[in-house]
Amino acid sequence: MQGILYEESTIWLFLLVTVVMGGWMAWMIARGVALGWRPYWQCVLALLVLGLAVRFIHFALFEGTLLSPRYYLVDTVVLLLVGSAGFRATRARQMTRQYRWLYERAGPFSWRQKGAG
């Protein structure tokens, strides 16, 4: 997988920078957008910028390629997946706590109208 998903000599650097550090920031950014009741597209824009920051960390600390469309895409897709999960989890929690007379949890990422199944 080296060279396809990550350019470092070991997968541990990719997992540390992109998945752990970048994923945590993606979750927190998405959570902040959801807590402000802002739309999902604002979360996507913020995560695209975060993808640039993660790419810069790879470049500055581990001699990765800064302007690499392939690795930017890989990093950003991982961040979008984690961020989308964070947005949906936060929004589901908001909807069921703030409107508890209308909605109930239907899983970690969704809600449903009370009495509807």
PDB file of N, CA and C in Angstrom:
ATOM      1  N   MET A   1       0.806  -1.185   0.000  1.00  0.00           N
ATOM      2  CA  MET A   1       0.000   0.000   0.000  1.00  0.00           C
ATOM      3  C   MET A   1       0.861   1.266   0.000  1.00  0.00           C
ATOM      4  N   GLN A   2       2.136   1.117   0.375  1.00  0.00           N
ATOM      5  CA  GLN A   2       3.025   2.270   0.381  1.00  0.00           C
ATOM      6  C   GLN A   2       3.152   2.802  -1.031  1.00  0.00           C
ATOM      7  N   GLY A   3       2.950   4.070  -1.200  1.00  0.00           N
ATOM      8  CA  GLY A   3       2.982   4.679  -2.518  1.00  0.00           C
ATOM      9  C   GLY A   3       1.599   4.893  -3.112  1.00  0.00           C
ATOM     10  N   ILE A   4       0.625   4.133  -2.630  1.00  0.00           N
ATOM     11  CA  ILE A   4      -0.741   4.299  -3.125  1.00  0.00           C
ATOM     12  C   ILE A   4      -1.544   5.173  -2.161  1.00  0.00           C
ATOM     13  N   LEU A   5      -1.562   4.779  -0.886  1.00  0.00           N
ATOM     14  CA  LEU A   5      -2.318   5.540   0.111  1.00  0.00           C
ATOM     15  C   LEU A   5      -1.454   6.494   0.917  1.00  0.00           C
ATOM     16  N   TYR A   6      -0.194   6.198   1.060  1.00  0.00           N
ATOM     17  CA  TYR A   6       0.695   7.053   1.839  1.00  0.00           C
ATOM     18  C   TYR A   6       2.074   6.995   1.224  1.00  0.00           C
ATOM     19  N   GLU A   7       2.859   8.037   1.447  1.00  0.00           N
ATOM     20  CA  GLU A   7       4.179   8.104   0.828  1.00  0.00           C
ATOM     21  C   GLU A   7       5.317   7.885   1.811  1.00  0.00           C
ATOM     22  N   GLU A   8       5.020   7.880   3.110  1.00  0.00           N
ATOM     23  CA  GLU A   8       6.067   7.689   4.101  1.00  0.00           C
ATOM     24  C   GLU A   8       6.605   6.264   4.042  1.00  0.00           C
ATOM     25  N   SER A   9       7.714   6.058   4.716  1.00  0.00           N
ATOM     26  CA  SER A   9       8.346   4.745   4.686  1.00  0.00           C
ATOM     27  C   SER A   9       7.582   3.715   5.508  1.00  0.00           C
ATOM     28  N   THR A  10       6.733   4.152   6.403  1.00  0.00           N
ATOM     29  CA  THR A  10       5.954   3.243   7.234  1.00  0.00           C
ATOM     30  C   THR A  10       4.518   3.732   7.357  1.00  0.00           C
ATOM     31  N   ILE A  11       3.609   2.808   7.513  1.00  0.00           N
ATOM     32  CA  ILE A  11       2.193   3.168   7.620  1.00  0.00           C
ATOM     33  C   ILE A  11       1.895   3.868   8.933  1.00  0.00           C
ATOM     34  N   TRP A  12       2.757   3.693   9.936  1.00  0.00           N
ATOM     35  CA  TRP A  12       2.507   4.286  11.248  1.00  0.00           C
ATOM     36  C   TRP A  12       2.488   5.820  11.196  1.00  0.00           C
ATOM     37  N   LEU A  13       3.292   6.404  10.338  1.00  0.00           N
ATOM     38  CA  LEU A  13       3.270   7.868  10.200  1.00  0.00           C
ATOM     39  C   LEU A  13       1.953   8.342   9.594  1.00  0.00           C
ATOM     40  N   PHE A  14       1.486   7.615   8.599  1.00  0.00           N
ATOM     41  CA  PHE A  14       0.195   7.937   7.995  1.00  0.00           C
ATOM     42  C   PHE A  14      -0.921   7.809   9.028  1.00  0.00           C
ATOM     43  N   LEU A  15      -0.896   6.722   9.783  1.00  0.00           N
ATOM     44  CA  LEU A  15      -1.929   6.521  10.796  1.00  0.00           C
ATOM     45  C   LEU A  15      -1.872   7.587  11.881  1.00  0.00           C
ATOM     46  N   LEU A  16      -0.670   7.964  12.297  1.00  0.00           N
ATOM     47  CA  LEU A  16      -0.530   8.983  13.340  1.00  0.00           C
ATOM     48  C   LEU A  16      -1.011  10.347  12.862  1.00  0.00           C
ATOM     49  N   VAL A  17      -0.490  10.797  11.735  1.00  0.00           N
ATOM     50  CA  VAL A  17      -0.786  12.163  11.283  1.00  0.00           C
ATOM     51  C   VAL A  17      -2.193  12.275  10.704  1.00  0.00           C
ATOM     52  N   THR A  18      -2.537  11.407   9.778  1.00  0.00           N
ATOM     53  CA  THR A  18      -3.819  11.543   9.077  1.00  0.00           C
ATOM     54  C   THR A  18      -4.982  11.004   9.885  1.00  0.00           C
ATOM     55  N   VAL A  19      -4.853   9.784  10.374  1.00  0.00           N
ATOM     56  CA  VAL A  19      -5.997   9.148  11.019  1.00  0.00           C
ATOM     57  C   VAL A  19      -6.179   9.636  12.460  1.00  0.00           C
ATOM     58  N   VAL A  20      -5.110   9.643  13.252  1.00  0.00           N
ATOM     59  CA  VAL A  20      -5.261  10.008  14.666  1.00  0.00           C
ATOM     60  C   VAL A  20      -5.351  11.524  14.832  1.00  0.00           C
ATOM     61  N   MET A  21      -4.300  12.243  14.444  1.00  0.00           N
ATOM     62  CA  MET A  21      -4.302  13.700  14.652  1.00  0.00           C
ATOM     63  C   MET A  21      -5.318  14.396  13.759  1.00  0.00           C
ATOM     64  N   GLY A  22      -5.279  14.087  12.465  1.00  0.00           N
ATOM     65  CA  GLY A  22      -6.228  14.710  11.536  1.00  0.00           C
ATOM     66  C   GLY A  22      -7.654  14.274  11.801  1.00  0.00           C
ATOM     67  N   GLY A  23      -7.833  13.005  12.136  1.00  0.00           N
ATOM     68  CA  GLY A  23      -9.170  12.502  12.432  1.00  0.00           C
ATOM     69  C   GLY A  23      -9.773  13.157  13.661  1.00  0.00           C
ATOM     70  N   TRP A  24      -8.939  13.357  14.690  1.00  0.00           N
ATOM     71  CA  TRP A  24      -9.432  14.037  15.886  1.00  0.00           C
ATOM     72  C   TRP A  24      -9.858  15.466  15.555  1.00  0.00           C
ATOM     73  N   MET A  25      -9.031  16.165  14.785  1.00  0.00           N
ATOM     74  CA  MET A  25      -9.389  17.535  14.402  1.00  0.00           C
ATOM     75  C   MET A  25     -10.634  17.560  13.510  1.00  0.00           C
ATOM     76  N   ALA A  26     -10.761  16.588  12.610  1.00  0.00           N
ATOM     77  CA  ALA A  26     -11.946  16.521  11.747  1.00  0.00           C
ATOM     78  C   ALA A  26     -13.201  16.317  12.590  1.00  0.00           C
ATOM     79  N   TRP A  27     -13.114  15.426  13.576  1.00  0.00           N
ATOM     80  CA  TRP A  27     -14.263  15.179  14.456  1.00  0.00           C
ATOM     81  C   TRP A  27     -14.638  16.455  15.207  1.00  0.00           C
ATOM     82  N   MET A  28     -13.627  17.154  15.735  1.00  0.00           N
ATOM     83  CA  MET A  28     -13.895  18.361  16.515  1.00  0.00           C
ATOM     84  C   MET A  28     -14.425  19.505  15.650  1.00  0.00           C
ATOM     85  N   ILE A  29     -13.908  19.638  14.439  1.00  0.00           N
ATOM     86  CA  ILE A  29     -14.421  20.662  13.526  1.00  0.00           C
ATOM     87  C   ILE A  29     -15.873  20.363  13.176  1.00  0.00           C
ATOM     88  N   ALA A  30     -16.163  19.121  12.836  1.00  0.00           N
ATOM     89  CA  ALA A  30     -17.530  18.739  12.477  1.00  0.00           C
ATOM     90  C   ALA A  30     -18.470  18.912  13.666  1.00  0.00           C
ATOM     91  N   ARG A  31     -17.992  18.582  14.852  1.00  0.00           N
ATOM     92  CA  ARG A  31     -18.788  18.760  16.054  1.00  0.00           C
ATOM     93  C   ARG A  31     -19.104  20.243  16.269  1.00  0.00           C
ATOM     94  N   GLY A  32     -18.123  21.092  16.065  1.00  0.00           N
ATOM     95  CA  GLY A  32     -18.334  22.530  16.230  1.00  0.00           C
ATOM     96  C   GLY A  32     -19.325  23.086  15.226  1.00  0.00           C
ATOM     97  N   VAL A  33     -19.244  22.621  13.996  1.00  0.00           N
ATOM     98  CA  VAL A  33     -20.194  23.067  12.969  1.00  0.00           C
ATOM     99  C   VAL A  33     -21.598  22.613  13.336  1.00  0.00           C
ATOM    100  N   ALA A  34     -21.728  21.360  13.760  1.00  0.00           N
ATOM    101  CA  ALA A  34     -23.053  20.843  14.122  1.00  0.00           C
ATOM    102  C   ALA A  34     -23.609  21.544  15.357  1.00  0.00           C
ATOM    103  N   LEU A  35     -22.763  21.812  16.353  1.00  0.00           N
ATOM    104  CA  LEU A  35     -23.239  22.486  17.561  1.00  0.00           C
ATOM    105  C   LEU A  35     -23.720  23.905  17.277  1.00  0.00           C
ATOM    106  N   GLY A  36     -23.181  24.518  16.252  1.00  0.00           N
ATOM    107  CA  GLY A  36     -23.632  25.846  15.854  1.00  0.00           C
ATOM    108  C   GLY A  36     -24.841  25.816  14.941  1.00  0.00           C
ATOM    109  N   TRP A  37     -25.400  24.640  14.715  1.00  0.00           N
ATOM    110  CA  TRP A  37     -26.558  24.438  13.845  1.00  0.00           C
ATOM    111  C   TRP A  37     -26.300  24.933  12.425  1.00  0.00           C
ATOM    112  N   ARG A  38     -25.054  24.879  12.005  1.00  0.00           N
ATOM    113  CA  ARG A  38     -24.715  25.284  10.645  1.00  0.00           C
ATOM    114  C   ARG A  38     -24.883  24.097   9.698  1.00  0.00           C
ATOM    115  N   PRO A  39     -25.028  24.346   8.414  1.00  0.00           N
ATOM    116  CA  PRO A  39     -25.268  23.251   7.462  1.00  0.00           C
ATOM    117  C   PRO A  39     -24.015  22.415   7.210  1.00  0.00           C
ATOM    118  N   TYR A  40     -24.244  21.225   6.677  1.00  0.00           N
ATOM    119  CA  TYR A  40     -23.173  20.259   6.454  1.00  0.00           C
ATOM    120  C   TYR A  40     -22.128  20.771   5.466  1.00  0.00           C
ATOM    121  N   TRP A  41     -22.529  21.554   4.476  1.00  0.00           N
ATOM    122  CA  TRP A  41     -21.563  22.003   3.469  1.00  0.00           C
ATOM    123  C   TRP A  41     -20.478  22.862   4.104  1.00  0.00           C
ATOM    124  N   GLN A  42     -20.764  23.553   5.188  1.00  0.00           N
ATOM    125  CA  GLN A  42     -19.728  24.324   5.873  1.00  0.00           C
ATOM    126  C   GLN A  42     -18.713  23.394   6.527  1.00  0.00           C
ATOM    127  N   CYS A  43     -19.184  22.257   6.975  1.00  0.00           N
ATOM    128  CA  CYS A  43     -18.286  21.241   7.525  1.00  0.00           C
ATOM    129  C   CYS A  43     -17.352  20.725   6.430  1.00  0.00           C
ATOM    130  N   VAL A  44     -17.887  20.477   5.257  1.00  0.00           N
ATOM    131  CA  VAL A  44     -17.073  19.987   4.137  1.00  0.00           C
ATOM    132  C   VAL A  44     -15.998  21.004   3.768  1.00  0.00           C
ATOM    133  N   LEU A  45     -16.354  22.280   3.692  1.00  0.00           N
ATOM    134  CA  LEU A  45     -15.366  23.310   3.374  1.00  0.00           C
ATOM    135  C   LEU A  45     -14.243  23.349   4.409  1.00  0.00           C
ATOM    136  N   ALA A  46     -14.598  23.275   5.679  1.00  0.00           N
ATOM    137  CA  ALA A  46     -13.594  23.293   6.742  1.00  0.00           C
ATOM    138  C   ALA A  46     -12.696  22.061   6.668  1.00  0.00           C
ATOM    139  N   LEU A  47     -13.246  20.917   6.317  1.00  0.00           N
ATOM    140  CA  LEU A  47     -12.445  19.694   6.230  1.00  0.00           C
ATOM    141  C   LEU A  47     -11.528  19.703   5.004  1.00  0.00           C
ATOM    142  N   LEU A  48     -11.929  20.383   3.944  1.00  0.00           N
ATOM    143  CA  LEU A  48     -11.037  20.535   2.791  1.00  0.00           C
ATOM    144  C   LEU A  48      -9.813  21.363   3.166  1.00  0.00           C
ATOM    145  N   VAL A  49     -10.017  22.388   3.959  1.00  0.00           N
ATOM    146  CA  VAL A  49      -8.894  23.199   4.443  1.00  0.00           C
ATOM    147  C   VAL A  49      -8.039  22.387   5.408  1.00  0.00           C
ATOM    148  N   LEU A  50      -8.676  21.588   6.253  1.00  0.00           N
ATOM    149  CA  LEU A  50      -7.925  20.729   7.167  1.00  0.00           C
ATOM    150  C   LEU A  50      -7.068  19.731   6.395  1.00  0.00           C
ATOM    151  N   GLY A  51      -7.546  19.282   5.253  1.00  0.00           N
ATOM    152  CA  GLY A  51      -6.745  18.398   4.406  1.00  0.00           C
ATOM    153  C   GLY A  51      -5.443  19.055   3.979  1.00  0.00           C
ATOM    154  N   LEU A  52      -5.480  20.339   3.704  1.00  0.00           N
ATOM    155  CA  LEU A  52      -4.253  21.078   3.376  1.00  0.00           C
ATOM    156  C   LEU A  52      -3.307  21.138   4.573  1.00  0.00           C
ATOM    157  N   ALA A  53      -3.869  21.342   5.759  1.00  0.00           N
ATOM    158  CA  ALA A  53      -3.039  21.394   6.964  1.00  0.00           C
ATOM    159  C   ALA A  53      -2.385  20.052   7.252  1.00  0.00           C
ATOM    160  N   VAL A  54      -3.114  18.972   7.081  1.00  0.00           N
ATOM    161  CA  VAL A  54      -2.548  17.633   7.291  1.00  0.00           C
ATOM    162  C   VAL A  54      -1.452  17.367   6.272  1.00  0.00           C
ATOM    163  N   ARG A  55      -1.677  17.781   5.041  1.00  0.00           N
ATOM    164  CA  ARG A  55      -0.656  17.616   4.003  1.00  0.00           C
ATOM    165  C   ARG A  55       0.601  18.402   4.378  1.00  0.00           C
ATOM    166  N   PHE A  56       0.424  19.607   4.941  1.00  0.00           N
ATOM    167  CA  PHE A  56       1.571  20.406   5.359  1.00  0.00           C
ATOM    168  C   PHE A  56       2.337  19.726   6.491  1.00  0.00           C
ATOM    169  N   ILE A  57       1.646  19.097   7.421  1.00  0.00           N
ATOM    170  CA  ILE A  57       2.331  18.388   8.504  1.00  0.00           C
ATOM    171  C   ILE A  57       3.160  17.244   7.940  1.00  0.00           C
ATOM    172  N   HIS A  58       2.632  16.504   6.987  1.00  0.00           N
ATOM    173  CA  HIS A  58       3.408  15.441   6.338  1.00  0.00           C
ATOM    174  C   HIS A  58       4.664  16.025   5.685  1.00  0.00           C
ATOM    175  N   PHE A  59       4.499  17.179   5.051  1.00  0.00           N
ATOM    176  CA  PHE A  59       5.609  17.831   4.365  1.00  0.00           C
ATOM    177  C   PHE A  59       6.646  18.360   5.348  1.00  0.00           C
ATOM    178  N   ALA A  60       6.216  19.072   6.356  1.00  0.00           N
ATOM    179  CA  ALA A  60       7.133  19.756   7.267  1.00  0.00           C
ATOM    180  C   ALA A  60       7.856  18.803   8.211  1.00  0.00           C
ATOM    181  N   LEU A  61       7.180  17.789   8.673  1.00  0.00           N
ATOM    182  CA  LEU A  61       7.786  16.913   9.670  1.00  0.00           C
ATOM    183  C   LEU A  61       8.403  15.642   9.102  1.00  0.00           C
ATOM    184  N   PHE A  62       7.851  15.129   8.020  1.00  0.00           N
ATOM    185  CA  PHE A  62       8.271  13.820   7.532  1.00  0.00           C
ATOM    186  C   PHE A  62       8.724  13.826   6.076  1.00  0.00           C
ATOM    187  N   GLU A  63       9.048  15.008   5.545  1.00  0.00           N
ATOM    188  CA  GLU A  63       9.569  15.168   4.189  1.00  0.00           C
ATOM    189  C   GLU A  63       8.651  14.591   3.121  1.00  0.00           C
ATOM    190  N   GLY A  64       7.349  14.748   3.330  1.00  0.00           N
ATOM    191  CA  GLY A  64       6.387  14.324   2.328  1.00  0.00           C
ATOM    192  C   GLY A  64       6.263  15.369   1.236  1.00  0.00           C
ATOM    193  N   THR A  65       5.492  15.046   0.221  1.00  0.00           N
ATOM    194  CA  THR A  65       5.251  15.964  -0.882  1.00  0.00           C
ATOM    195  C   THR A  65       4.124  16.920  -0.497  1.00  0.00           C
ATOM    196  N   LEU A  66       4.388  18.211  -0.598  1.00  0.00           N
ATOM    197  CA  LEU A  66       3.384  19.193  -0.197  1.00  0.00           C
ATOM    198  C   LEU A  66       2.242  19.278  -1.202  1.00  0.00           C
ATOM    199  N   LEU A  67       2.557  19.463  -2.451  1.00  0.00           N
ATOM    200  CA  LEU A  67       1.541  19.655  -3.487  1.00  0.00           C
ATOM    201  C   LEU A  67       1.333  18.374  -4.276  1.00  0.00           C
ATOM    202  N   SER A  68       0.795  17.377  -3.629  1.00  0.00           N
ATOM    203  CA  SER A  68       0.518  16.098  -4.263  1.00  0.00           C
ATOM    204  C   SER A  68      -0.990  15.873  -4.283  1.00  0.00           C
ATOM    205  N   PRO A  69      -1.613  15.973  -5.444  1.00  0.00           N
ATOM    206  CA  PRO A  69      -3.068  15.793  -5.500  1.00  0.00           C
ATOM    207  C   PRO A  69      -3.526  14.417  -4.995  1.00  0.00           C
ATOM    208  N   ARG A  70      -2.765  13.380  -5.279  1.00  0.00           N
ATOM    209  CA  ARG A  70      -3.143  12.033  -4.865  1.00  0.00           C
ATOM    210  C   ARG A  70      -3.186  11.912  -3.351  1.00  0.00           C
ATOM    211  N   TYR A  71      -2.127  12.337  -2.684  1.00  0.00           N
ATOM    212  CA  TYR A  71      -2.064  12.195  -1.233  1.00  0.00           C
ATOM    213  C   TYR A  71      -2.987  13.191  -0.531  1.00  0.00           C
ATOM    214  N   TYR A  72      -3.189  14.354  -1.128  1.00  0.00           N
ATOM    215  CA  TYR A  72      -4.176  15.293  -0.578  1.00  0.00           C
ATOM    216  C   TYR A  72      -5.564  14.661  -0.639  1.00  0.00           C
ATOM    217  N   LEU A  73      -5.875  14.007  -1.752  1.00  0.00           N
ATOM    218  CA  LEU A  73      -7.171  13.358  -1.894  1.00  0.00           C
ATOM    219  C   LEU A  73      -7.344  12.242  -0.869  1.00  0.00           C
ATOM    220  N   VAL A  74      -6.318  11.427  -0.679  1.00  0.00           N
ATOM    221  CA  VAL A  74      -6.397  10.339   0.309  1.00  0.00           C
ATOM    222  C   VAL A  74      -6.598  10.904   1.707  1.00  0.00           C
ATOM    223  N   ASP A  75      -5.779  11.891   2.077  1.00  0.00           N
ATOM    224  CA  ASP A  75      -5.904  12.501   3.401  1.00  0.00           C
ATOM    225  C   ASP A  75      -7.285  13.125   3.594  1.00  0.00           C
ATOM    226  N   THR A  76      -7.767  13.832   2.585  1.00  0.00           N
ATOM    227  CA  THR A  76      -9.040  14.531   2.697  1.00  0.00           C
ATOM    228  C   THR A  76     -10.216  13.560   2.748  1.00  0.00           C
ATOM    229  N   VAL A  77     -10.139  12.460   2.029  1.00  0.00           N
ATOM    230  CA  VAL A  77     -11.214  11.464   2.094  1.00  0.00           C
ATOM    231  C   VAL A  77     -11.299  10.873   3.499  1.00  0.00           C
ATOM    232  N   VAL A  78     -10.148  10.565   4.092  1.00  0.00           N
ATOM    233  CA  VAL A  78     -10.148  10.053   5.473  1.00  0.00           C
ATOM    234  C   VAL A  78     -10.754  11.087   6.410  1.00  0.00           C
ATOM    235  N   LEU A  79     -10.367  12.345   6.261  1.00  0.00           N
ATOM    236  CA  LEU A  79     -10.895  13.401   7.115  1.00  0.00           C
ATOM    237  C   LEU A  79     -12.389  13.603   6.904  1.00  0.00           C
ATOM    238  N   LEU A  80     -12.844  13.518   5.663  1.00  0.00           N
ATOM    239  CA  LEU A  80     -14.275  13.663   5.387  1.00  0.00           C
ATOM    240  C   LEU A  80     -15.089  12.523   5.994  1.00  0.00           C
ATOM    241  N   LEU A  81     -14.550  11.315   5.974  1.00  0.00           N
ATOM    242  CA  LEU A  81     -15.253  10.185   6.585  1.00  0.00           C
ATOM    243  C   LEU A  81     -15.394  10.371   8.087  1.00  0.00           C
ATOM    244  N   VAL A  82     -14.301  10.715   8.736  1.00  0.00           N
ATOM    245  CA  VAL A  82     -14.336  10.909  10.187  1.00  0.00           C
ATOM    246  C   VAL A  82     -15.188  12.125  10.535  1.00  0.00           C
ATOM    247  N   GLY A  83     -15.013  13.212   9.791  1.00  0.00           N
ATOM    248  CA  GLY A  83     -15.780  14.424  10.058  1.00  0.00           C
ATOM    249  C   GLY A  83     -17.271  14.237   9.831  1.00  0.00           C
ATOM    250  N   SER A  84     -17.635  13.505   8.804  1.00  0.00           N
ATOM    251  CA  SER A  84     -19.056  13.245   8.550  1.00  0.00           C
ATOM    252  C   SER A  84     -19.673  12.437   9.679  1.00  0.00           C
ATOM    253  N   ALA A  85     -18.926  11.467  10.180  1.00  0.00           N
ATOM    254  CA  ALA A  85     -19.410  10.687  11.323  1.00  0.00           C
ATOM    255  C   ALA A  85     -19.578  11.587  12.547  1.00  0.00           C
ATOM    256  N   GLY A  86     -18.628  12.469  12.777  1.00  0.00           N
ATOM    257  CA  GLY A  86     -18.734  13.395  13.903  1.00  0.00           C
ATOM    258  C   GLY A  86     -19.904  14.342  13.770  1.00  0.00           C
ATOM    259  N   PHE A  87     -20.143  14.834  12.567  1.00  0.00           N
ATOM    260  CA  PHE A  87     -21.266  15.738  12.326  1.00  0.00           C
ATOM    261  C   PHE A  87     -22.585  15.031  12.592  1.00  0.00           C
ATOM    262  N   ARG A  88     -22.750  13.828  12.041  1.00  0.00           N
ATOM    263  CA  ARG A  88     -24.004  13.095  12.206  1.00  0.00           C
ATOM    264  C   ARG A  88     -24.237  12.668  13.645  1.00  0.00           C
ATOM    265  N   ALA A  89     -23.179  12.244  14.333  1.00  0.00           N
ATOM    266  CA  ALA A  89     -23.330  11.837  15.732  1.00  0.00           C
ATOM    267  C   ALA A  89     -23.749  13.031  16.588  1.00  0.00           C
ATOM    268  N   THR A  90     -23.137  14.171  16.351  1.00  0.00           N
ATOM    269  CA  THR A  90     -23.481  15.367  17.114  1.00  0.00           C
ATOM    270  C   THR A  90     -24.887  15.834  16.781  1.00  0.00           C
ATOM    271  N   ARG A  91     -25.252  15.824  15.513  1.00  0.00           N
ATOM    272  CA  ARG A  91     -26.585  16.276  15.117  1.00  0.00           C
ATOM    273  C   ARG A  91     -27.661  15.333  15.668  1.00  0.00           C
ATOM    274  N   ALA A  92     -27.396  14.034  15.675  1.00  0.00           N
ATOM    275  CA  ALA A  92     -28.364  13.084  16.240  1.00  0.00           C
ATOM    276  C   ALA A  92     -28.539  13.332  17.736  1.00  0.00           C
ATOM    277  N   ARG A  93     -27.441  13.586  18.423  1.00  0.00           N
ATOM    278  CA  ARG A  93     -27.513  13.884  19.862  1.00  0.00           C
ATOM    279  C   ARG A  93     -28.284  15.190  20.097  1.00  0.00           C
ATOM    280  N   GLN A  94     -28.039  16.194  19.271  1.00  0.00           N
ATOM    281  CA  GLN A  94     -28.749  17.476  19.405  1.00  0.00           C
ATOM    282  C   GLN A  94     -30.255  17.297  19.206  1.00  0.00           C
ATOM    283  N   MET A  95     -30.619  16.620  18.160  1.00  0.00           N
ATOM    284  CA  MET A  95     -32.034  16.480  17.819  1.00  0.00           C
ATOM    285  C   MET A  95     -32.785  15.717  18.899  1.00  0.00           C
ATOM    286  N   THR A  96     -32.166  14.687  19.469  1.00  0.00           N
ATOM    287  CA  THR A  96     -32.864  13.884  20.470  1.00  0.00           C
ATOM    288  C   THR A  96     -32.843  14.535  21.853  1.00  0.00           C
ATOM    289  N   ARG A  97     -31.890  15.389  22.121  1.00  0.00           N
ATOM    290  CA  ARG A  97     -31.879  16.085  23.410  1.00  0.00           C
ATOM    291  C   ARG A  97     -32.729  17.345  23.380  1.00  0.00           C
ATOM    292  N   GLN A  98     -32.622  18.106  22.322  1.00  0.00           N
ATOM    293  CA  GLN A  98     -33.337  19.371  22.274  1.00  0.00           C
ATOM    294  C   GLN A  98     -34.819  19.193  21.936  1.00  0.00           C
ATOM    295  N   TYR A  99     -35.111  18.188  21.134  1.00  0.00           N
ATOM    296  CA  TYR A  99     -36.493  17.929  20.730  1.00  0.00           C
ATOM    297  C   TYR A  99     -36.909  16.537  21.176  1.00  0.00           C
ATOM    298  N   ARG A 100     -36.739  16.253  22.462  1.00  0.00           N
ATOM    299  CA  ARG A 100     -36.983  14.886  22.960  1.00  0.00           C
ATOM    300  C   ARG A 100     -38.446  14.483  22.874  1.00  0.00           C
ATOM    301  N   TRP A 101     -39.378  15.433  22.795  1.00  0.00           N
ATOM    302  CA  TRP A 101     -40.791  15.088  22.655  1.00  0.00           C
ATOM    303  C   TRP A 101     -41.122  14.696  21.206  1.00  0.00           C
ATOM    304  N   LEU A 102     -40.234  15.029  20.260  1.00  0.00           N
ATOM    305  CA  LEU A 102     -40.480  14.704  18.859  1.00  0.00           C
ATOM    306  C   LEU A 102     -39.663  13.524  18.350  1.00  0.00           C
ATOM    307  N   TYR A 103     -38.407  13.409  18.805  1.00  0.00           N
ATOM    308  CA  TYR A 103     -37.472  12.448  18.213  1.00  0.00           C
ATOM    309  C   TYR A 103     -36.858  11.542  19.255  1.00  0.00           C
ATOM    310  N   GLU A 104     -36.473  10.360  18.788  1.00  0.00           N
ATOM    311  CA  GLU A 104     -35.726   9.408  19.587  1.00  0.00           C
ATOM    312  C   GLU A 104     -34.562   8.876  18.760  1.00  0.00           C
ATOM    313  N   ARG A 105     -33.549   8.377  19.443  1.00  0.00           N
ATOM    314  CA  ARG A 105     -32.376   7.865  18.733  1.00  0.00           C
ATOM    315  C   ARG A 105     -32.743   6.611  17.950  1.00  0.00           C
ATOM    316  N   ALA A 106     -32.200   6.521  16.754  1.00  0.00           N
ATOM    317  CA  ALA A 106     -32.394   5.338  15.918  1.00  0.00           C
ATOM    318  C   ALA A 106     -31.042   4.719  15.592  1.00  0.00           C
ATOM    319  N   GLY A 107     -30.044   5.036  16.367  1.00  0.00           N
ATOM    320  CA  GLY A 107     -28.692   4.564  16.146  1.00  0.00           C
ATOM    321  C   GLY A 107     -27.718   5.666  16.508  1.00  0.00           C
ATOM    322  N   PRO A 108     -26.444   5.412  16.380  1.00  0.00           N
ATOM    323  CA  PRO A 108     -25.473   6.434  16.768  1.00  0.00           C
ATOM    324  C   PRO A 108     -25.450   7.650  15.841  1.00  0.00           C
ATOM    325  N   PHE A 109     -25.935   7.510  14.617  1.00  0.00           N
ATOM    326  CA  PHE A 109     -25.855   8.600  13.648  1.00  0.00           C
ATOM    327  C   PHE A 109     -27.210   9.070  13.132  1.00  0.00           C
ATOM    328  N   SER A 110     -28.290   8.598  13.719  1.00  0.00           N
ATOM    329  CA  SER A 110     -29.599   8.978  13.178  1.00  0.00           C
ATOM    330  C   SER A 110     -30.640   9.079  14.285  1.00  0.00           C
ATOM    331  N   TRP A 111     -31.775   9.632  13.926  1.00  0.00           N
ATOM    332  CA  TRP A 111     -32.909   9.788  14.823  1.00  0.00           C
ATOM    333  C   TRP A 111     -34.166   9.558  14.024  1.00  0.00           C
ATOM    334  N   ARG A 112     -35.254   9.323  14.733  1.00  0.00           N
ATOM    335  CA  ARG A 112     -36.547   9.119  14.068  1.00  0.00           C
ATOM    336  C   ARG A 112     -37.627   9.771  14.908  1.00  0.00           C
ATOM    337  N   GLN A 113     -38.752   9.967  14.277  1.00  0.00           N
ATOM    338  CA  GLN A 113     -39.885  10.555  14.974  1.00  0.00           C
ATOM    339  C   GLN A 113     -40.414   9.548  15.981  1.00  0.00           C
ATOM    340  N   LYS A 114     -40.779  10.015  17.165  1.00  0.00           N
ATOM    341  CA  LYS A 114     -41.302   9.109  18.194  1.00  0.00           C
ATOM    342  C   LYS A 114     -42.571   8.431  17.724  1.00  0.00           C
ATOM    343  N   GLY A 115     -42.650   7.145  18.010  1.00  0.00           N
ATOM    344  CA  GLY A 115     -43.815   6.373  17.647  1.00  0.00           C
ATOM    345  C   GLY A 115     -43.856   5.950  16.206  1.00  0.00           C
ATOM    346  N   ALA A 116     -42.800   6.215  15.448  1.00  0.00           N
ATOM    347  CA  ALA A 116     -42.780   5.858  14.018  1.00  0.00           C
ATOM    348  C   ALA A 116     -41.925   4.613  13.802  1.00  0.00           C
ATOM    349  N   GLY A 117     -42.274   3.543  14.415  1.00  0.00           N
ATOM    350  CA  GLY A 117     -41.594   2.295  14.124  1.00  0.00           C
ATOM    351  C   GLY A 117     -40.789   1.813  15.238  1.00  0.00           C
TER     352      GLY A 117
END
